[in-house]
PDB file of N, CA and C in Angstrom:
ATOM      1  N   MET A   1      14.654 -14.401  -9.578  1.00  0.00           N
ATOM      2  CA  MET A   1      14.043 -13.859  -8.749  1.00  0.00           C
ATOM      3  C   MET A   1      14.242 -12.134  -8.664  1.00  0.00           C
ATOM      4  N   ALA A   2      15.118 -11.661  -8.416  1.00  0.00           N
ATOM      5  CA  ALA A   2      15.365 -10.489  -8.598  1.00  0.00           C
ATOM      6  C   ALA A   2      14.813  -9.697  -9.522  1.00  0.00           C
ATOM      7  N   ASN A   3      14.773 -10.144 -10.875  1.00  0.00           N
ATOM      8  CA  ASN A   3      14.433  -9.582 -11.876  1.00  0.00           C
ATOM      9  C   ASN A   3      13.204  -9.977 -11.892  1.00  0.00           C
ATOM     10  N   ALA A   4      12.592 -10.601 -11.698  1.00  0.00           N
ATOM     11  CA  ALA A   4      10.776 -11.082 -11.246  1.00  0.00           C
ATOM     12  C   ALA A   4      10.669  -9.707 -10.801  1.00  0.00           C
ATOM     13  N   LEU A   5      11.251  -9.710  -9.291  1.00  0.00           N
ATOM     14  CA  LEU A   5      10.862  -8.145  -8.279  1.00  0.00           C
ATOM     15  C   LEU A   5      10.867  -6.784  -8.962  1.00  0.00           C
ATOM     16  N   THR A   6      11.621  -7.066  -9.475  1.00  0.00           N
ATOM     17  CA  THR A   6      12.025  -5.609 -10.603  1.00  0.00           C
ATOM     18  C   THR A   6      10.989  -5.558 -11.178  1.00  0.00           C
ATOM     19  N   HIS A   7      10.639  -6.477 -12.241  1.00  0.00           N
ATOM     20  CA  HIS A   7       9.585  -6.100 -13.217  1.00  0.00           C
ATOM     21  C   HIS A   7       7.967  -6.346 -12.297  1.00  0.00           C
ATOM     22  N   ILE A   8       7.665  -6.798 -11.213  1.00  0.00           N
ATOM     23  CA  ILE A   8       6.595  -6.868 -10.750  1.00  0.00           C
ATOM     24  C   ILE A   8       6.474  -5.399  -9.608  1.00  0.00           C
ATOM     25  N   LEU A   9       7.407  -4.578  -9.769  1.00  0.00           N
ATOM     26  CA  LEU A   9       7.970  -3.133  -8.925  1.00  0.00           C
ATOM     27  C   LEU A   9       7.487  -2.288  -9.951  1.00  0.00           C
ATOM     28  N   ASN A  10       8.195  -2.741 -11.436  1.00  0.00           N
ATOM     29  CA  ASN A  10       7.648  -1.792 -12.526  1.00  0.00           C
ATOM     30  C   ASN A  10       6.446  -1.946 -12.976  1.00  0.00           C
ATOM     31  N   ASN A  11       5.463  -2.305 -12.673  1.00  0.00           N
ATOM     32  CA  ASN A  11       4.170  -2.359 -13.081  1.00  0.00           C
ATOM     33  C   ASN A  11       4.307  -3.364 -14.510  1.00  0.00           C
ATOM     34  N   GLU A  12       5.113  -4.400 -14.847  1.00  0.00           N
ATOM     35  CA  GLU A  12       4.981  -4.608 -16.081  1.00  0.00           C
ATOM     36  C   GLU A  12       4.495  -6.071 -16.282  1.00  0.00           C
ATOM     37  N   CYS A  13       3.953  -6.403 -17.453  1.00  0.00           N
ATOM     38  CA  CYS A  13       3.375  -7.620 -18.033  1.00  0.00           C
ATOM     39  C   CYS A  13       4.071  -8.876 -17.887  1.00  0.00           C
ATOM     40  N   PRO A  14       3.929  -9.995 -17.152  1.00  0.00           N
ATOM     41  CA  PRO A  14       4.256 -11.324 -16.334  1.00  0.00           C
ATOM     42  C   PRO A  14       4.809 -12.044 -17.842  1.00  0.00           C
ATOM     43  N   HIS A  15       4.397 -11.422 -18.761  1.00  0.00           N
ATOM     44  CA  HIS A  15       4.453 -12.465 -19.792  1.00  0.00           C
ATOM     45  C   HIS A  15       5.967 -11.738 -20.755  1.00  0.00           C
ATOM     46  N   CYS A  16       5.632 -10.549 -21.171  1.00  0.00           N
ATOM     47  CA  CYS A  16       6.453 -10.051 -22.281  1.00  0.00           C
ATOM     48  C   CYS A  16       7.582  -8.474 -21.252  1.00  0.00           C
ATOM     49  N   GLN A  17       7.066  -8.491 -20.127  1.00  0.00           N
ATOM     50  CA  GLN A  17       7.994  -7.562 -19.623  1.00  0.00           C
ATOM     51  C   GLN A  17       8.139  -6.183 -20.355  1.00  0.00           C
ATOM     52  N   LYS A  18       6.738  -5.577 -20.772  1.00  0.00           N
ATOM     53  CA  LYS A  18       7.314  -4.693 -21.960  1.00  0.00           C
ATOM     54  C   LYS A  18       5.560  -4.000 -21.378  1.00  0.00           C
ATOM     55  N   GLY A  19       4.305  -4.536 -21.256  1.00  0.00           N
ATOM     56  CA  GLY A  19       3.511  -3.606 -21.491  1.00  0.00           C
ATOM     57  C   GLY A  19       2.911  -3.337 -19.682  1.00  0.00           C
ATOM     58  N   LYS A  20       2.147  -3.160 -19.508  1.00  0.00           N
ATOM     59  CA  LYS A  20       1.312  -2.683 -18.222  1.00  0.00           C
ATOM     60  C   LYS A  20       0.373  -3.169 -17.723  1.00  0.00           C
ATOM     61  N   VAL A  21       0.332  -3.666 -16.815  1.00  0.00           N
ATOM     62  CA  VAL A  21      -0.775  -4.219 -16.212  1.00  0.00           C
ATOM     63  C   VAL A  21      -1.719  -3.496 -15.688  1.00  0.00           C
ATOM     64  N   PHE A  22      -1.377  -2.491 -15.075  1.00  0.00           N
ATOM     65  CA  PHE A  22      -2.449  -1.165 -14.648  1.00  0.00           C
ATOM     66  C   PHE A  22      -2.466  -0.231 -15.262  1.00  0.00           C
ATOM     67  N   ASN A  23      -3.670   0.797 -15.503  1.00  0.00           N
ATOM     68  CA  ASN A  23      -3.242   2.323 -16.034  1.00  0.00           C
ATOM     69  C   ASN A  23      -2.816   3.022 -15.606  1.00  0.00           C
ATOM     70  N   GLU A  24      -2.295   3.323 -14.241  1.00  0.00           N
ATOM     71  CA  GLU A  24      -1.676   4.246 -13.851  1.00  0.00           C
ATOM     72  C   GLU A  24      -0.067   4.219 -13.899  1.00  0.00           C
ATOM     73  N   LYS A  25       0.850   5.230 -14.184  1.00  0.00           N
ATOM     74  CA  LYS A  25       1.913   5.037 -14.612  1.00  0.00           C
ATOM     75  C   LYS A  25       2.863   4.963 -13.144  1.00  0.00           C
ATOM     76  N   ASN A  26       2.423   5.188 -12.124  1.00  0.00           N
ATOM     77  CA  ASN A  26       3.042   5.074 -11.046  1.00  0.00           C
ATOM     78  C   ASN A  26       2.106   4.225 -10.044  1.00  0.00           C
ATOM     79  N   ILE A  27       2.179   2.807  -9.455  1.00  0.00           N
ATOM     80  CA  ILE A  27       1.028   2.301  -8.978  1.00  0.00           C
ATOM     81  C   ILE A  27       0.947   2.255  -7.559  1.00  0.00           C
ATOM     82  N   PHE A  28       2.270   2.783  -6.861  1.00  0.00           N
ATOM     83  CA  PHE A  28       2.379   3.017  -5.843  1.00  0.00           C
ATOM     84  C   PHE A  28       1.576   4.706  -4.982  1.00  0.00           C
ATOM     85  N   LEU A  29       1.546   5.615  -5.998  1.00  0.00           N
ATOM     86  CA  LEU A  29       1.015   6.282  -5.248  1.00  0.00           C
ATOM     87  C   LEU A  29      -0.293   6.782  -5.926  1.00  0.00           C
ATOM     88  N   ASN A  30      -1.328   5.809  -6.117  1.00  0.00           N
ATOM     89  CA  ASN A  30      -2.666   6.373  -6.545  1.00  0.00           C
ATOM     90  C   ASN A  30      -3.496   5.389  -5.154  1.00  0.00           C
ATOM     91  N   ILE A  31      -4.884   6.952  -5.073  1.00  0.00           N
ATOM     92  CA  ILE A  31      -5.416   6.223  -4.223  1.00  0.00           C
ATOM     93  C   ILE A  31      -6.903   5.677  -4.901  1.00  0.00           C
ATOM     94  N   GLY A  32      -7.439   4.337  -4.199  1.00  0.00           N
ATOM     95  CA  GLY A  32      -8.322   4.084  -4.409  1.00  0.00           C
ATOM     96  C   GLY A  32      -8.211   3.029  -5.295  1.00  0.00           C
ATOM     97  N   PHE A  33      -9.154   1.999  -6.056  1.00  0.00           N
ATOM     98  CA  PHE A  33      -9.732   0.807  -6.487  1.00  0.00           C
ATOM     99  C   PHE A  33      -8.595   0.914  -7.854  1.00  0.00           C
ATOM    100  N   PRO A  34      -7.776  -0.157  -7.903  1.00  0.00           N
ATOM    101  CA  PRO A  34      -7.013   0.133  -9.449  1.00  0.00           C
ATOM    102  C   PRO A  34      -7.722  -0.160 -10.596  1.00  0.00           C
ATOM    103  N   LYS A  35      -7.371  -0.102 -11.799  1.00  0.00           N
ATOM    104  CA  LYS A  35      -7.925   0.360 -12.902  1.00  0.00           C
ATOM    105  C   LYS A  35      -6.976  -0.676 -13.754  1.00  0.00           C
ATOM    106  N   MET A  36      -7.495  -2.162 -14.029  1.00  0.00           N
ATOM    107  CA  MET A  36      -6.341  -2.788 -14.812  1.00  0.00           C
ATOM    108  C   MET A  36      -6.647  -3.169 -16.156  1.00  0.00           C
ATOM    109  N   ASN A  37      -5.913  -2.999 -16.766  1.00  0.00           N
ATOM    110  CA  ASN A  37      -5.719  -3.143 -18.505  1.00  0.00           C
ATOM    111  C   ASN A  37      -6.518  -4.425 -18.464  1.00  0.00           C
ATOM    112  N   LYS A  38      -7.290  -4.907 -19.750  1.00  0.00           N
ATOM    113  CA  LYS A  38      -7.752  -6.099 -19.690  1.00  0.00           C
ATOM    114  C   LYS A  38      -6.627  -7.359 -20.289  1.00  0.00           C
ATOM    115  N   THR A  39      -5.566  -6.414 -21.296  1.00  0.00           N
ATOM    116  CA  THR A  39      -4.953  -7.213 -22.271  1.00  0.00           C
ATOM    117  C   THR A  39      -3.735  -6.320 -21.981  1.00  0.00           C
ATOM    118  N   CYS A  40      -2.676  -6.673 -22.231  1.00  0.00           N
ATOM    119  CA  CYS A  40      -1.092  -6.208 -22.061  1.00  0.00           C
ATOM    120  C   CYS A  40      -1.456  -5.875 -23.621  1.00  0.00           C
ATOM    121  N   SER A  41      -0.778  -4.378 -23.542  1.00  0.00           N
ATOM    122  CA  SER A  41      -0.862  -3.315 -24.691  1.00  0.00           C
ATOM    123  C   SER A  41       0.040  -4.138 -25.927  1.00  0.00           C
ATOM    124  N   TYR A  42       1.308  -4.594 -25.493  1.00  0.00           N
ATOM    125  CA  TYR A  42       2.427  -5.158 -26.088  1.00  0.00           C
ATOM    126  C   TYR A  42       2.396  -6.381 -27.164  1.00  0.00           C
ATOM    127  N   CYS A  43       1.769  -6.958 -25.740  1.00  0.00           N
ATOM    128  CA  CYS A  43       1.696  -8.490 -26.315  1.00  0.00           C
ATOM    129  C   CYS A  43       0.332  -9.232 -26.355  1.00  0.00           C
ATOM    130  N   LYS A  44      -0.456  -8.591 -26.098  1.00  0.00           N
ATOM    131  CA  LYS A  44      -1.810  -9.277 -25.589  1.00  0.00           C
ATOM    132  C   LYS A  44      -2.267 -10.319 -24.946  1.00  0.00           C
ATOM    133  N   THR A  45      -1.754 -10.361 -24.300  1.00  0.00           N
ATOM    134  CA  THR A  45      -1.701 -11.296 -22.798  1.00  0.00           C
ATOM    135  C   THR A  45      -2.982 -10.962 -22.109  1.00  0.00           C
ATOM    136  N   GLN A  46      -3.855 -11.514 -21.644  1.00  0.00           N
ATOM    137  CA  GLN A  46      -5.237 -11.447 -21.013  1.00  0.00           C
ATOM    138  C   GLN A  46      -4.432 -11.509 -19.509  1.00  0.00           C
ATOM    139  N   PHE A  47      -5.204 -10.547 -18.736  1.00  0.00           N
ATOM    140  CA  PHE A  47      -4.523 -10.926 -17.257  1.00  0.00           C
ATOM    141  C   PHE A  47      -5.482 -11.326 -16.883  1.00  0.00           C
ATOM    142  N   GLU A  48      -6.903 -11.150 -16.707  1.00  0.00           N
ATOM    143  CA  GLU A  48      -7.767 -12.312 -15.711  1.00  0.00           C
ATOM    144  C   GLU A  48      -8.355 -13.194 -16.773  1.00  0.00           C
ATOM    145  N   LYS A  49      -7.809 -14.146 -16.117  1.00  0.00           N
ATOM    146  CA  LYS A  49      -7.720 -15.582 -16.902  1.00  0.00           C
ATOM    147  C   LYS A  49      -9.249 -16.227 -17.261  1.00  0.00           C
ATOM    148  N   GLU A  50     -10.038 -15.886 -15.922  1.00  0.00           N
ATOM    149  CA  GLU A  50     -11.062 -16.451 -15.774  1.00  0.00           C
ATOM    150  C   GLU A  50     -12.059 -15.655 -14.862  1.00  0.00           C
ATOM    151  N   PRO A  51     -13.509 -16.161 -14.601  1.00  0.00           N
ATOM    152  CA  PRO A  51     -14.429 -14.437 -13.579  1.00  0.00           C
ATOM    153  C   PRO A  51     -13.821 -15.302 -12.561  1.00  0.00           C
ATOM    154  N   GLY A  52     -13.108 -14.107 -11.489  1.00  0.00           N
ATOM    155  CA  GLY A  52     -12.787 -14.589 -10.060  1.00  0.00           C
ATOM    156  C   GLY A  52     -11.737 -15.040 -10.067  1.00  0.00           C
ATOM    157  N   TYR A  53     -10.846 -15.022 -11.195  1.00  0.00           N
ATOM    158  CA  TYR A  53      -9.285 -15.047 -11.206  1.00  0.00           C
ATOM    159  C   TYR A  53      -8.615 -14.203  -9.657  1.00  0.00           C
ATOM    160  N   PHE A  54      -8.543 -12.970  -9.615  1.00  0.00           N
ATOM    161  CA  PHE A  54      -7.776 -12.297  -8.636  1.00  0.00           C
ATOM    162  C   PHE A  54      -8.535 -12.828  -7.412  1.00  0.00           C
ATOM    163  N   PHE A  55      -9.798 -13.468  -6.542  1.00  0.00           N
ATOM    164  CA  PHE A  55      -9.965 -14.154  -5.323  1.00  0.00           C
ATOM    165  C   PHE A  55      -8.684 -14.304  -4.648  1.00  0.00           C
ATOM    166  N   GLY A  56      -7.932 -14.903  -5.473  1.00  0.00           N
ATOM    167  CA  GLY A  56      -6.640 -15.971  -4.562  1.00  0.00           C
ATOM    168  C   GLY A  56      -5.854 -14.638  -4.271  1.00  0.00           C
ATOM    169  N   ALA A  57      -5.871 -13.475  -5.074  1.00  0.00           N
ATOM    170  CA  ALA A  57      -4.614 -12.565  -4.508  1.00  0.00           C
ATOM    171  C   ALA A  57      -5.460 -11.890  -3.467  1.00  0.00           C
ATOM    172  N   MET A  58      -6.429 -12.065  -2.699  1.00  0.00           N
ATOM    173  CA  MET A  58      -7.033 -11.279  -1.418  1.00  0.00           C
ATOM    174  C   MET A  58      -6.145 -12.194  -0.469  1.00  0.00           C
ATOM    175  N   TYR A  59      -5.581 -13.504  -0.845  1.00  0.00           N
ATOM    176  CA  TYR A  59      -5.084 -14.160   0.194  1.00  0.00           C
ATOM    177  C   TYR A  59      -3.438 -13.688   0.485  1.00  0.00           C
ATOM    178  N   VAL A  60      -2.892 -13.140  -0.599  1.00  0.00           N
ATOM    179  CA  VAL A  60      -1.721 -12.305  -1.096  1.00  0.00           C
ATOM    180  C   VAL A  60      -2.212 -11.034  -0.113  1.00  0.00           C
ATOM    181  N   ASN A  61      -2.786 -10.624  -0.272  1.00  0.00           N
ATOM    182  CA  ASN A  61      -3.266  -8.922   0.370  1.00  0.00           C
ATOM    183  C   ASN A  61      -3.063  -9.331   1.670  1.00  0.00           C
ATOM    184  N   TYR A  62      -4.262  -9.751   2.356  1.00  0.00           N
ATOM    185  CA  TYR A  62      -4.136 -10.763   3.640  1.00  0.00           C
ATOM    186  C   TYR A  62      -2.708 -10.703   4.289  1.00  0.00           C
ATOM    187  N   GLY A  63      -1.664 -11.753   3.383  1.00  0.00           N
ATOM    188  CA  GLY A  63      -0.631 -11.590   4.280  1.00  0.00           C
ATOM    189  C   GLY A  63       0.373 -10.402   3.712  1.00  0.00           C
ATOM    190  N   LEU A  64       0.394  -9.968   3.170  1.00  0.00           N
ATOM    191  CA  LEU A  64       1.230  -8.347   3.028  1.00  0.00           C
ATOM    192  C   LEU A  64       0.571  -7.684   4.376  1.00  0.00           C
ATOM    193  N   THR A  65      -0.690  -6.781   4.444  1.00  0.00           N
ATOM    194  CA  THR A  65      -0.944  -6.331   5.704  1.00  0.00           C
ATOM    195  C   THR A  65      -0.699  -6.991   7.014  1.00  0.00           C
ATOM    196  N   VAL A  66      -0.971  -8.289   7.279  1.00  0.00           N
ATOM    197  CA  VAL A  66      -0.395  -9.173   8.506  1.00  0.00           C
ATOM    198  C   VAL A  66       0.909  -8.620   8.775  1.00  0.00           C
ATOM    199  N   ALA A  67       1.864  -9.109   7.505  1.00  0.00           N
ATOM    200  CA  ALA A  67       3.347  -8.483   7.663  1.00  0.00           C
ATOM    201  C   ALA A  67       3.576  -7.198   8.102  1.00  0.00           C
ATOM    202  N   GLU A  68       3.059  -6.306   7.479  1.00  0.00           N
ATOM    203  CA  GLU A  68       3.111  -5.037   7.605  1.00  0.00           C
ATOM    204  C   GLU A  68       2.560  -4.701   8.604  1.00  0.00           C
ATOM    205  N   GLY A  69       1.269  -5.007   9.477  1.00  0.00           N
ATOM    206  CA  GLY A  69       0.942  -5.184  10.929  1.00  0.00           C
ATOM    207  C   GLY A  69       1.778  -5.447  12.209  1.00  0.00           C
ATOM    208  N   ILE A  70       2.730  -6.576  11.661  1.00  0.00           N
ATOM    209  CA  ILE A  70       3.774  -6.674  12.842  1.00  0.00           C
ATOM    210  C   ILE A  70       4.918  -6.151  12.781  1.00  0.00           C
ATOM    211  N   ALA A  71       4.932  -5.873  11.364  1.00  0.00           N
ATOM    212  CA  ALA A  71       6.104  -4.866  11.452  1.00  0.00           C
ATOM    213  C   ALA A  71       6.067  -3.614  12.054  1.00  0.00           C
ATOM    214  N   THR A  72       4.875  -2.757  11.800  1.00  0.00           N
ATOM    215  CA  THR A  72       4.261  -1.706  12.652  1.00  0.00           C
ATOM    216  C   THR A  72       4.277  -1.817  14.067  1.00  0.00           C
ATOM    217  N   TYR A  73       4.004  -2.644  14.413  1.00  0.00           N
ATOM    218  CA  TYR A  73       3.925  -3.079  16.081  1.00  0.00           C
ATOM    219  C   TYR A  73       5.377  -3.045  16.777  1.00  0.00           C
ATOM    220  N   VAL A  74       6.287  -4.379  15.480  1.00  0.00           N
ATOM    221  CA  VAL A  74       7.914  -4.096  16.137  1.00  0.00           C
ATOM    222  C   VAL A  74       8.439  -2.692  15.948  1.00  0.00           C
ATOM    223  N   ILE A  75       8.090  -1.816  15.467  1.00  0.00           N
ATOM    224  CA  ILE A  75       8.899  -0.542  15.243  1.00  0.00           C
ATOM    225  C   ILE A  75       8.286   0.165  16.460  1.00  0.00           C
ATOM    226  N   ALA A  76       6.811   0.503  16.251  1.00  0.00           N
ATOM    227  CA  ALA A  76       6.398   1.042  17.416  1.00  0.00           C
ATOM    228  C   ALA A  76       6.560   0.835  18.804  1.00  0.00           C
ATOM    229  N   GLN A  77       6.937  -0.529  19.157  1.00  0.00           N
ATOM    230  CA  GLN A  77       6.602  -1.079  20.442  1.00  0.00           C
ATOM    231  C   GLN A  77       8.078  -0.420  21.218  1.00  0.00           C
ATOM    232  N   SER A  78       8.750  -0.294  20.455  1.00  0.00           N
ATOM    233  CA  SER A  78      10.299   0.358  20.955  1.00  0.00           C
ATOM    234  C   SER A  78      10.104   2.062  21.771  1.00  0.00           C
ATOM    235  N   PHE A  79       8.597   2.571  20.894  1.00  0.00           N
ATOM    236  CA  PHE A  79       9.080   4.368  21.583  1.00  0.00           C
ATOM    237  C   PHE A  79       7.761   4.027  23.099  1.00  0.00           C
ATOM    238  N   PHE A  80       7.335   3.032  23.278  1.00  0.00           N
ATOM    239  CA  PHE A  80       6.454   2.836  24.491  1.00  0.00           C
ATOM    240  C   PHE A  80       7.669   2.452  25.423  1.00  0.00           C
ATOM    241  N   THR A  81       7.012   2.170  26.998  1.00  0.00           N
ATOM    242  CA  THR A  81       7.648   1.522  28.147  1.00  0.00           C
ATOM    243  C   THR A  81       7.029   0.218  28.257  1.00  0.00           C
ATOM    244  N   THR A  82       5.444   0.041  27.920  1.00  0.00           N
ATOM    245  CA  THR A  82       5.018  -1.398  28.395  1.00  0.00           C
ATOM    246  C   THR A  82       5.242  -1.875  27.353  1.00  0.00           C
ATOM    247  N   ALA A  83       5.323  -3.304  27.762  1.00  0.00           N
ATOM    248  CA  ALA A  83       5.161  -4.799  26.481  1.00  0.00           C
ATOM    249  C   ALA A  83       4.139  -4.346  25.086  1.00  0.00           C
ATOM    250  N   PHE A  84       3.153  -4.225  25.648  1.00  0.00           N
ATOM    251  CA  PHE A  84       1.973  -3.792  24.650  1.00  0.00           C
ATOM    252  C   PHE A  84       1.277  -2.764  24.942  1.00  0.00           C
ATOM    253  N   ASP A  85       1.426  -1.484  24.655  1.00  0.00           N
ATOM    254  CA  ASP A  85       0.831  -0.354  25.044  1.00  0.00           C
ATOM    255  C   ASP A  85      -0.441  -0.371  24.247  1.00  0.00           C
ATOM    256  N   LEU A  86      -2.017  -0.134  24.638  1.00  0.00           N
ATOM    257  CA  LEU A  86      -3.115   0.276  23.448  1.00  0.00           C
ATOM    258  C   LEU A  86      -3.053   1.293  22.666  1.00  0.00           C
ATOM    259  N   ARG A  87      -1.927   2.082  23.090  1.00  0.00           N
ATOM    260  CA  ARG A  87      -1.885   3.378  22.207  1.00  0.00           C
ATOM    261  C   ARG A  87      -1.082   2.931  20.745  1.00  0.00           C
ATOM    262  N   ILE A  88      -0.470   1.691  20.552  1.00  0.00           N
ATOM    263  CA  ILE A  88       0.055   1.076  19.408  1.00  0.00           C
ATOM    264  C   ILE A  88      -1.255   0.797  18.430  1.00  0.00           C
ATOM    265  N   ILE A  89      -2.065   0.358  18.322  1.00  0.00           N
ATOM    266  CA  ILE A  89      -3.620  -0.407  17.873  1.00  0.00           C
ATOM    267  C   ILE A  89      -4.034   0.806  16.876  1.00  0.00           C
ATOM    268  N   PRO A  90      -4.031   2.368  17.148  1.00  0.00           N
ATOM    269  CA  PRO A  90      -4.287   2.841  16.028  1.00  0.00           C
ATOM    270  C   PRO A  90      -3.147   3.297  15.262  1.00  0.00           C
ATOM    271  N   ILE A  91      -1.887   2.885  15.569  1.00  0.00           N
ATOM    272  CA  ILE A  91      -1.007   3.442  14.692  1.00  0.00           C
ATOM    273  C   ILE A  91      -0.852   2.121  13.810  1.00  0.00           C
ATOM    274  N   ILE A  92      -0.872   1.145  14.105  1.00  0.00           N
ATOM    275  CA  ILE A  92      -1.261  -0.094  13.083  1.00  0.00           C
ATOM    276  C   ILE A  92      -2.148   0.049  12.355  1.00  0.00           C
ATOM    277  N   ALA A  93      -3.341   0.480  12.754  1.00  0.00           N
ATOM    278  CA  ALA A  93      -4.405   0.965  11.993  1.00  0.00           C
ATOM    279  C   ALA A  93      -4.563   1.842  10.983  1.00  0.00           C
ATOM    280  N   PHE A  94      -3.782   2.933  11.321  1.00  0.00           N
ATOM    281  CA  PHE A  94      -3.029   4.138  10.275  1.00  0.00           C
ATOM    282  C   PHE A  94      -2.527   3.651   9.495  1.00  0.00           C
ATOM    283  N   VAL A  95      -1.288   2.647   9.290  1.00  0.00           N
ATOM    284  CA  VAL A  95      -0.999   2.075   8.489  1.00  0.00           C
ATOM    285  C   VAL A  95      -0.938   0.913   7.245  1.00  0.00           C
ATOM    286  N   ILE A  96      -1.992   0.147   8.504  1.00  0.00           N
ATOM    287  CA  ILE A  96      -2.909  -0.051   7.205  1.00  0.00           C
ATOM    288  C   ILE A  96      -3.963   0.286   6.202  1.00  0.00           C
ATOM    289  N   ILE A  97      -4.377   1.318   6.575  1.00  0.00           N
ATOM    290  CA  ILE A  97      -5.060   1.747   5.745  1.00  0.00           C
ATOM    291  C   ILE A  97      -4.459   2.359   4.653  1.00  0.00           C
ATOM    292  N   VAL A  98      -3.479   3.635   5.399  1.00  0.00           N
ATOM    293  CA  VAL A  98      -2.646   4.321   4.217  1.00  0.00           C
ATOM    294  C   VAL A  98      -1.867   2.742   3.370  1.00  0.00           C
ATOM    295  N   LEU A  99      -1.514   2.068   3.592  1.00  0.00           N
ATOM    296  CA  LEU A  99      -0.775   1.190   2.302  1.00  0.00           C
ATOM    297  C   LEU A  99      -1.775   0.184   2.272  1.00  0.00           C
ATOM    298  N   ALA A 100      -2.968   0.084   2.155  1.00  0.00           N
ATOM    299  CA  ALA A 100      -4.490  -0.850   1.682  1.00  0.00           C
ATOM    300  C   ALA A 100      -4.156  -0.817   0.147  1.00  0.00           C
ATOM    301  N   SER A 101      -4.125   0.490  -0.945  1.00  0.00           N
ATOM    302  CA  SER A 101      -4.495   0.651  -1.917  1.00  0.00           C
ATOM    303  C   SER A 101      -3.190  -0.151  -2.719  1.00  0.00           C
ATOM    304  N   ILE A 102      -2.083   0.299  -2.179  1.00  0.00           N
ATOM    305  CA  ILE A 102      -0.570  -0.566  -2.479  1.00  0.00           C
ATOM    306  C   ILE A 102      -0.757  -1.819  -2.218  1.00  0.00           C
ATOM    307  N   ASN A 103      -1.420  -2.122  -1.134  1.00  0.00           N
ATOM    308  CA  ASN A 103      -1.606  -3.858  -1.354  1.00  0.00           C
ATOM    309  C   ASN A 103      -2.382  -4.680  -2.145  1.00  0.00           C
ATOM    310  N   ILE A 104      -3.507  -3.693  -2.510  1.00  0.00           N
ATOM    311  CA  ILE A 104      -4.229  -3.767  -3.439  1.00  0.00           C
ATOM    312  C   ILE A 104      -3.833  -4.286  -4.888  1.00  0.00           C
ATOM    313  N   ARG A 105      -2.752  -3.547  -5.444  1.00  0.00           N
ATOM    314  CA  ARG A 105      -2.333  -3.448  -6.466  1.00  0.00           C
ATOM    315  C   ARG A 105      -0.903  -4.533  -6.384  1.00  0.00           C
ATOM    316  N   LEU A 106      -0.012  -4.721  -5.749  1.00  0.00           N
ATOM    317  CA  LEU A 106       1.072  -5.636  -5.179  1.00  0.00           C
ATOM    318  C   LEU A 106       0.607  -7.021  -5.090  1.00  0.00           C
ATOM    319  N   SER A 107      -0.418  -7.340  -4.659  1.00  0.00           N
ATOM    320  CA  SER A 107      -1.016  -8.451  -4.628  1.00  0.00           C
ATOM    321  C   SER A 107      -1.732  -9.180  -5.749  1.00  0.00           C
ATOM    322  N   ARG A 108      -2.271  -8.279  -6.510  1.00  0.00           N
ATOM    323  CA  ARG A 108      -2.919  -8.444  -7.674  1.00  0.00           C
ATOM    324  C   ARG A 108      -1.251  -8.994  -8.569  1.00  0.00           C
ATOM    325  N   LEU A 109      -0.241  -8.217  -8.735  1.00  0.00           N
ATOM    326  CA  LEU A 109       1.067  -8.364  -9.591  1.00  0.00           C
ATOM    327  C   LEU A 109       1.947  -9.438  -9.018  1.00  0.00           C
ATOM    328  N   LEU A 110       1.623  -9.709  -7.815  1.00  0.00           N
ATOM    329  CA  LEU A 110       2.439 -11.021  -7.189  1.00  0.00           C
ATOM    330  C   LEU A 110       1.497 -12.440  -7.983  1.00  0.00           C
ATOM    331  N   TRP A 111       0.200 -11.999  -7.823  1.00  0.00           N
ATOM    332  CA  TRP A 111      -1.018 -13.361  -8.402  1.00  0.00           C
ATOM    333  C   TRP A 111      -0.744 -14.014  -9.433  1.00  0.00           C
ATOM    334  N   LEU A 112      -0.456 -12.580 -10.409  1.00  0.00           N
ATOM    335  CA  LEU A 112      -0.089 -12.599 -11.736  1.00  0.00           C
ATOM    336  C   LEU A 112       1.462 -13.615 -11.912  1.00  0.00           C
ATOM    337  N   TYR A 113       2.188 -13.273 -11.282  1.00  0.00           N
ATOM    338  CA  TYR A 113       3.709 -13.766 -11.427  1.00  0.00           C
ATOM    339  C   TYR A 113       3.748 -15.098 -10.859  1.00  0.00           C
ATOM    340  N   MET A 114       2.765 -15.553  -9.904  1.00  0.00           N
ATOM    341  CA  MET A 114       3.000 -17.149  -9.016  1.00  0.00           C
ATOM    342  C   MET A 114       2.296 -17.473 -10.264  1.00  0.00           C
ATOM    343  N   PHE A 115       1.495 -17.284 -11.129  1.00  0.00           N
ATOM    344  CA  PHE A 115       0.662 -18.098 -12.085  1.00  0.00           C
ATOM    345  C   PHE A 115       1.019 -18.016 -13.605  1.00  0.00           C
ATOM    346  N   LYS A 116       2.233 -17.198 -13.728  1.00  0.00           N
ATOM    347  CA  LYS A 116       2.523 -17.318 -15.449  1.00  0.00           C
ATOM    348  C   LYS A 116       2.891 -18.381 -15.709  1.00  0.00           C
ATOM    349  N   ASP A 117       2.995 -18.151 -17.104  1.00  0.00           N
ATOM    350  CA  ASP A 117       3.284 -20.031 -17.569  1.00  0.00           C
ATOM    351  C   ASP A 117       4.940 -19.467 -18.119  1.00  0.00           C
ATOM    352  N   TYR A 118       5.816 -20.291 -17.474  1.00  0.00           N
ATOM    353  CA  TYR A 118       7.094 -20.543 -17.174  1.00  0.00           C
ATOM    354  C   TYR A 118       7.564 -21.163 -18.337  1.00  0.00           C
ATOM    355  N   SER A 119       7.329 -21.624 -19.115  1.00  0.00           N
ATOM    356  CA  SER A 119       7.357 -23.061 -19.866  1.00  0.00           C
ATOM    357  C   SER A 119       7.369 -21.696 -21.475  1.00  0.00           C
ATOM    358  N   MET A 120       6.605 -20.434 -21.184  1.00  0.00           N
ATOM    359  CA  MET A 120       7.295 -20.091 -22.709  1.00  0.00           C
ATOM    360  C   MET A 120       8.835 -19.439 -23.000  1.00  0.00           C
TER     361      MET A 120
END
């Protein structure tokens, strides 16, 4: 499990762990929509198996966003005196917007690794 997480964070192909899924060198410091390779440059594995394959990754992205929002609320709550201060909402929105680009890439990588063929 820890080995798969290392490969996900390094943007490596789920099949061979040598090629890259995204064109960017560092997937966490880029802004904008991700540019994925169609196939792995090393083993030629096709990443998008069928049209609409990454629609399921939207659910993973949603889960990541909710988890980040809850974590931000828990951290920010300690800086305010009332249980729920309305000033926390812009803080949560800022964190979600800043991490949106990272979430898109990470959710697609997680989706690829969830449905990789483990029989090989």
